[in-house]
Amino acid sequence: MIKLYALLFLVSIMGGCAYYYKDTQSRLELLTTSLAVAETAAKANELVIAQMEATRILNQQNIKALEEDLKVATVYKNELIQKLRRHNLTVLTMQKPGLIERRVNDASKKILEDLQTITAD
């Protein structure tokens, strides 16, 4: 009888070990699959980060170029303001209307042509 109990005990231990082994193997498969998915997502994230970094560098370069253009435009604007202050157009128009009118009309025409050129396809 003791031998029978010992045999049943050994069989149950072996059955438990077999169940534990199968359960562990299924967990390992699940974890391996999850790891593969996580690695794929990590690689995709690294690619996106690299693209975002490249875009950031390009944006910084564009911003620097625009800042330089803004400085040039500001200098030009200040020069124009100084010219307009030196030349009182109201007084010049009263003194020499034909001369001023022709210049203003020519300049207006040129500006309109430039705007049409810029906005045309």
Protein backbone atom coordinates (compact mmCIF):
# COMPACT_ATOMS: atom_id res chain seq x y z
CA MET A 1 0.00 0.00 0.00
CA ILE A 2 2.83 2.40 0.82
CA LYS A 3 4.31 1.59 -2.54
CA LEU A 4 1.01 2.49 -4.18
CA TYR A 5 0.86 5.80 -2.33
CA ALA A 6 4.48 6.52 -3.18
CA LEU A 7 3.77 5.69 -6.83
CA LEU A 8 0.68 7.94 -6.85
CA PHE A 9 2.70 10.69 -5.17
CA LEU A 10 5.46 10.40 -7.81
CA VAL A 11 2.92 10.36 -10.64
CA SER A 12 1.20 13.47 -9.29
CA ILE A 13 4.55 15.25 -8.89
CA MET A 14 5.48 14.31 -12.45
CA GLY A 15 2.08 15.48 -13.69
CA GLY A 16 2.53 18.79 -11.85
CA CYS A 17 6.00 19.18 -13.34
CA ALA A 18 4.63 18.44 -16.83
CA TYR A 19 1.86 21.01 -16.35
CA TYR A 20 4.38 23.57 -15.03
CA TYR A 21 6.66 22.89 -18.02
CA LYS A 22 3.84 23.33 -20.55
CA ASP A 23 2.62 26.48 -18.80
CA THR A 24 6.13 27.91 -18.71
CA GLN A 25 6.63 27.13 -22.40
CA SER A 26 3.37 28.89 -23.36
CA ARG A 27 4.39 31.91 -21.27
CA LEU A 28 7.79 31.97 -22.95
CA GLU A 29 6.13 31.92 -26.38
CA LEU A 30 3.82 34.75 -25.39
CA LEU A 31 6.69 36.79 -23.96
CA THR A 32 8.82 36.14 -27.07
CA THR A 33 6.00 37.39 -29.29
CA SER A 34 5.48 40.44 -27.09
CA LEU A 35 9.21 41.17 -27.19
CA ALA A 36 9.24 40.99 -30.99
CA VAL A 37 6.30 43.42 -31.18
CA ALA A 38 7.98 45.78 -28.70
CA GLU A 39 11.26 45.70 -30.64
CA THR A 40 9.42 46.50 -33.87
CA ALA A 41 7.65 49.41 -32.20
CA ALA A 42 10.94 50.66 -30.75
CA LYS A 43 12.59 50.61 -34.20
CA ALA A 44 9.63 52.49 -35.68
CA ASN A 45 9.85 55.06 -32.88
CA GLU A 46 13.58 55.49 -33.48
CA LEU A 47 12.91 56.18 -37.16
CA VAL A 48 10.25 58.75 -36.30
CA ILE A 49 12.58 60.41 -33.80
CA ALA A 50 15.36 60.58 -36.42
CA GLN A 51 12.95 62.13 -38.94
CA MET A 52 11.74 64.64 -36.37
CA GLU A 53 15.33 65.57 -35.53
CA ALA A 54 16.12 66.11 -39.22
CA THR A 55 12.98 68.25 -39.57
CA ARG A 56 13.95 70.26 -36.48
CA ILE A 57 17.42 70.96 -37.91
CA LEU A 58 15.89 72.01 -41.24
CA ASN A 59 13.41 74.27 -39.45
CA GLN A 60 16.22 75.90 -37.49
CA GLN A 61 18.10 76.59 -40.71
CA ASN A 62 14.97 78.07 -42.28
CA ILE A 63 14.37 80.23 -39.22
CA LYS A 64 17.93 81.56 -39.35
CA ALA A 65 17.54 82.36 -43.05
CA LEU A 66 14.24 84.15 -42.38
CA GLU A 67 15.81 86.11 -39.54
CA GLU A 68 18.56 87.28 -41.88
CA ASP A 69 15.96 88.27 -44.47
CA LEU A 70 14.06 90.13 -41.78
CA LYS A 71 17.20 92.05 -40.79
CA VAL A 72 17.79 93.06 -44.42
CA ALA A 73 14.16 94.08 -44.84
CA THR A 74 14.28 96.10 -41.62
CA VAL A 75 17.36 97.96 -42.78
CA TYR A 76 15.68 98.69 -46.12
CA LYS A 77 12.51 99.85 -44.35
CA ASN A 78 14.52 102.21 -42.15
CA GLU A 79 16.27 103.64 -45.20
CA LEU A 80 12.91 104.28 -46.87
CA ILE A 81 11.54 105.94 -43.76
CA GLN A 82 14.57 108.23 -43.63
CA LYS A 83 14.17 109.14 -47.32
CA LEU A 84 10.50 109.96 -46.80
CA ARG A 85 11.36 112.15 -43.85
CA ARG A 86 14.02 114.01 -45.86
CA HIS A 87 11.71 114.55 -48.82
CA ASN A 88 8.43 116.12 -47.87
CA LEU A 89 6.22 114.81 -50.68
CA THR A 90 3.39 117.17 -49.86
CA VAL A 91 5.57 120.23 -50.40
CA LEU A 92 7.17 118.73 -53.53
CA THR A 93 3.75 117.90 -54.95
CA MET A 94 2.63 121.51 -54.50
CA GLN A 95 5.81 122.89 -56.05
CA LYS A 96 6.27 120.41 -58.94
CA PRO A 97 3.04 118.45 -59.44
CA GLY A 98 3.90 117.03 -62.88
CA LEU A 99 7.28 115.67 -61.76
CA ILE A 100 5.99 114.02 -58.62
CA GLU A 101 2.81 112.67 -60.22
CA ARG A 102 4.77 110.93 -62.99
CA ARG A 103 7.19 109.34 -60.49
CA VAL A 104 4.41 108.20 -58.19
CA ASN A 105 2.44 106.74 -61.10
CA ASP A 106 5.52 104.95 -62.49
CA ALA A 107 6.40 103.54 -59.08
CA SER A 108 2.80 102.43 -58.48
CA LYS A 109 2.71 100.71 -61.86
CA LYS A 110 5.99 98.90 -61.10
CA ILE A 111 4.74 97.75 -57.71
CA LEU A 112 1.50 96.42 -59.20
CA GLU A 113 3.43 94.57 -61.92
CA ASP A 114 5.72 93.05 -59.26
CA LEU A 115 2.69 91.94 -57.24
CA GLN A 116 1.15 90.35 -60.32
CA THR A 117 4.41 88.54 -61.07
CA ILE A 118 4.73 87.28 -57.49
CA THR A 119 1.14 86.08 -57.21
CA ALA A 120 0.85 84.58 -60.71
CA ASP A 121 1.23 80.83 -61.11
